[in-house]
């Protein structure tokens, strides 16, 4: 009797999820992929702005510009990731996330 109960619970755990759950999971994976891509682009932009000498710029740099630049690069990263297909990293990340969630029968 116990063997039947464990088998039925194992089967219930590995049963395919309803379509609504799959769609929500795909949307979540896509959102996570976009966030990852935005973070990646932001890091790339931070490295790019490292070589820019703010003291010799038109506005003269200063403490306010040092505080503003990380927020600016963060918004640039979000804009690049969310415009069209971004750089294509979000698609790859969401595809890998979904492939790891699939149950192999």
C-alpha atoms as a PDB file:
ATOM      1  CA  UNK A   1       0.000   0.000   0.000  1.00  0.00           C
ATOM      2  CA  UNK A   2       2.835   2.404   0.829  1.00  0.00           C
ATOM      3  CA  UNK A   3       4.500   1.640  -2.492  1.00  0.00           C
ATOM      4  CA  UNK A   4       1.351   2.767  -4.328  1.00  0.00           C
ATOM      5  CA  UNK A   5       1.167   6.009  -2.365  1.00  0.00           C
ATOM      6  CA  UNK A   6       4.797   6.934  -3.043  1.00  0.00           C
ATOM      7  CA  UNK A   7       4.402   6.100  -6.716  1.00  0.00           C
ATOM      8  CA  UNK A   8       1.288   8.242  -7.083  1.00  0.00           C
ATOM      9  CA  UNK A   9       2.946  11.207  -5.354  1.00  0.00           C
ATOM     10  CA  UNK A  10       6.038  10.796  -7.522  1.00  0.00           C
ATOM     11  CA  UNK A  11       3.878  10.779 -10.633  1.00  0.00           C
ATOM     12  CA  UNK A  12       1.996  13.863  -9.470  1.00  0.00           C
ATOM     13  CA  UNK A  13       5.254  15.706  -8.882  1.00  0.00           C
ATOM     14  CA  UNK A  14       6.570  14.937 -12.373  1.00  0.00           C
ATOM     15  CA  UNK A  15       3.301  15.516 -14.233  1.00  0.00           C
ATOM     16  CA  UNK A  16       3.346  18.278 -16.853  1.00  0.00           C
ATOM     17  CA  UNK A  17       2.224  21.634 -15.546  1.00  0.00           C
ATOM     18  CA  UNK A  18      -0.917  23.302 -16.888  1.00  0.00           C
ATOM     19  CA  UNK A  19      -0.504  25.729 -19.790  1.00  0.00           C
ATOM     20  CA  UNK A  20      -1.174  28.763 -17.571  1.00  0.00           C
ATOM     21  CA  UNK A  21       1.761  27.810 -15.345  1.00  0.00           C
ATOM     22  CA  UNK A  22       4.028  27.340 -18.358  1.00  0.00           C
ATOM     23  CA  UNK A  23       3.058  30.717 -19.789  1.00  0.00           C
ATOM     24  CA  UNK A  24       3.677  32.447 -16.461  1.00  0.00           C
ATOM     25  CA  UNK A  25       6.992  30.667 -16.186  1.00  0.00           C
ATOM     26  CA  UNK A  26       7.969  31.783 -19.698  1.00  0.00           C
ATOM     27  CA  UNK A  27       7.026  35.378 -18.908  1.00  0.00           C
ATOM     28  CA  UNK A  28       9.006  35.250 -15.661  1.00  0.00           C
ATOM     29  CA  UNK A  29      12.018  33.789 -17.454  1.00  0.00           C
ATOM     30  CA  UNK A  30      11.818  36.543 -20.067  1.00  0.00           C
ATOM     31  CA  UNK A  31      11.624  39.237 -17.352  1.00  0.00           C
ATOM     32  CA  UNK A  32      14.603  37.736 -15.532  1.00  0.00           C
ATOM     33  CA  UNK A  33      16.520  37.573 -18.807  1.00  0.00           C
ATOM     34  CA  UNK A  34      15.816  41.256 -19.438  1.00  0.00           C
ATOM     35  CA  UNK A  35      16.977  42.174 -15.926  1.00  0.00           C
ATOM     36  CA  UNK A  36      20.164  40.160 -16.380  1.00  0.00           C
ATOM     37  CA  UNK A  37      20.831  41.783 -19.734  1.00  0.00           C
ATOM     38  CA  UNK A  38      20.288  45.258 -18.247  1.00  0.00           C
ATOM     39  CA  UNK A  39      22.727  44.459 -15.438  1.00  0.00           C
ATOM     40  CA  UNK A  40      25.302  43.147 -17.930  1.00  0.00           C
ATOM     41  CA  UNK A  41      25.024  46.228 -20.163  1.00  0.00           C
ATOM     42  CA  UNK A  42      25.280  48.482 -17.095  1.00  0.00           C
ATOM     43  CA  UNK A  43      28.508  46.772 -16.063  1.00  0.00           C
ATOM     44  CA  UNK A  44      29.897  47.194 -19.577  1.00  0.00           C
ATOM     45  CA  UNK A  45      28.981  50.876 -19.567  1.00  0.00           C
ATOM     46  CA  UNK A  46      30.581  51.366 -16.136  1.00  0.00           C
ATOM     47  CA  UNK A  47      33.840  50.022 -17.515  1.00  0.00           C
ATOM     48  CA  UNK A  48      33.510  52.287 -20.527  1.00  0.00           C
ATOM     49  CA  UNK A  49      33.043  55.396 -18.375  1.00  0.00           C
ATOM     50  CA  UNK A  50      36.034  54.492 -16.197  1.00  0.00           C
ATOM     51  CA  UNK A  51      38.349  55.996 -18.801  1.00  0.00           C
ATOM     52  CA  UNK A  52      36.411  59.260 -19.033  1.00  0.00           C
ATOM     53  CA  UNK A  53      38.075  62.075 -17.099  1.00  0.00           C
ATOM     54  CA  UNK A  54      35.206  64.006 -15.534  1.00  0.00           C
ATOM     55  CA  UNK A  55      37.461  66.811 -14.303  1.00  0.00           C
ATOM     56  CA  UNK A  56      38.279  67.861 -17.872  1.00  0.00           C
ATOM     57  CA  UNK A  57      34.688  67.701 -19.097  1.00  0.00           C
ATOM     58  CA  UNK A  58      32.570  70.730 -19.987  1.00  0.00           C
ATOM     59  CA  UNK A  59      30.671  70.558 -16.699  1.00  0.00           C
ATOM     60  CA  UNK A  60      33.769  70.072 -14.542  1.00  0.00           C
ATOM     61  CA  UNK A  61      32.883  66.792 -12.816  1.00  0.00           C
ATOM     62  CA  UNK A  62      32.712  67.057  -9.075  1.00  0.00           C
ATOM     63  CA  UNK A  63      30.918  65.154  -6.356  1.00  0.00           C
ATOM     64  CA  UNK A  64      27.451  65.474  -7.916  1.00  0.00           C
ATOM     65  CA  UNK A  65      28.595  63.994 -11.223  1.00  0.00           C
ATOM     66  CA  UNK A  66      30.322  61.130  -9.396  1.00  0.00           C
ATOM     67  CA  UNK A  67      27.027  60.352  -7.666  1.00  0.00           C
ATOM     68  CA  UNK A  68      24.940  60.776 -10.819  1.00  0.00           C
ATOM     69  CA  UNK A  69      27.022  58.650 -13.205  1.00  0.00           C
ATOM     70  CA  UNK A  70      26.127  55.206 -11.723  1.00  0.00           C
ATOM     71  CA  UNK A  71      22.419  56.061 -11.877  1.00  0.00           C
ATOM     72  CA  UNK A  72      22.828  57.266 -15.457  1.00  0.00           C
ATOM     73  CA  UNK A  73      24.640  54.116 -16.580  1.00  0.00           C
ATOM     74  CA  UNK A  74      22.008  51.996 -14.812  1.00  0.00           C
ATOM     75  CA  UNK A  75      19.236  53.723 -16.779  1.00  0.00           C
ATOM     76  CA  UNK A  76      21.242  53.420 -20.019  1.00  0.00           C
ATOM     77  CA  UNK A  77      21.563  49.684 -19.367  1.00  0.00           C
ATOM     78  CA  UNK A  78      17.815  49.323 -18.800  1.00  0.00           C
ATOM     79  CA  UNK A  79      17.014  51.321 -21.931  1.00  0.00           C
ATOM     80  CA  UNK A  80      19.373  49.281 -24.115  1.00  0.00           C
ATOM     81  CA  UNK A  81      18.071  45.965 -22.755  1.00  0.00           C
ATOM     82  CA  UNK A  82      14.399  46.913 -23.152  1.00  0.00           C
ATOM     83  CA  UNK A  83      14.598  48.477 -26.604  1.00  0.00           C
ATOM     84  CA  UNK A  84      13.746  45.929 -29.275  1.00  0.00           C
ATOM     85  CA  UNK A  85      15.748  42.774 -28.648  1.00  0.00           C
ATOM     86  CA  UNK A  86      18.490  44.573 -26.744  1.00  0.00           C
ATOM     87  CA  UNK A  87      21.805  42.858 -27.401  1.00  0.00           C
ATOM     88  CA  UNK A  88      20.204  39.406 -27.531  1.00  0.00           C
ATOM     89  CA  UNK A  89      21.402  38.195 -24.155  1.00  0.00           C
ATOM     90  CA  UNK A  90      17.913  38.114 -22.584  1.00  0.00           C
ATOM     91  CA  UNK A  91      16.723  35.580 -25.164  1.00  0.00           C
ATOM     92  CA  UNK A  92      19.606  33.255 -24.407  1.00  0.00           C
ATOM     93  CA  UNK A  93      19.195  33.555 -20.635  1.00  0.00           C
ATOM     94  CA  UNK A  94      15.436  32.925 -20.738  1.00  0.00           C
ATOM     95  CA  UNK A  95      15.920  29.958 -23.090  1.00  0.00           C
ATOM     96  CA  UNK A  96      18.433  28.363 -20.710  1.00  0.00           C
ATOM     97  CA  UNK A  97      16.219  29.026 -17.670  1.00  0.00           C
ATOM     98  CA  UNK A  98      13.253  27.376 -19.380  1.00  0.00           C
ATOM     99  CA  UNK A  99      15.329  24.408 -20.547  1.00  0.00           C
ATOM    100  CA  UNK A 100      16.442  23.754 -16.968  1.00  0.00           C
ATOM    101  CA  UNK A 101      12.813  23.729 -15.825  1.00  0.00           C
ATOM    102  CA  UNK A 102      11.627  21.143 -18.348  1.00  0.00           C
ATOM    103  CA  UNK A 103      11.020  17.670 -17.007  1.00  0.00           C
ATOM    104  CA  UNK A 104      12.566  14.907 -19.058  1.00  0.00           C
ATOM    105  CA  UNK A 105      10.286  11.867 -19.253  1.00  0.00           C
END
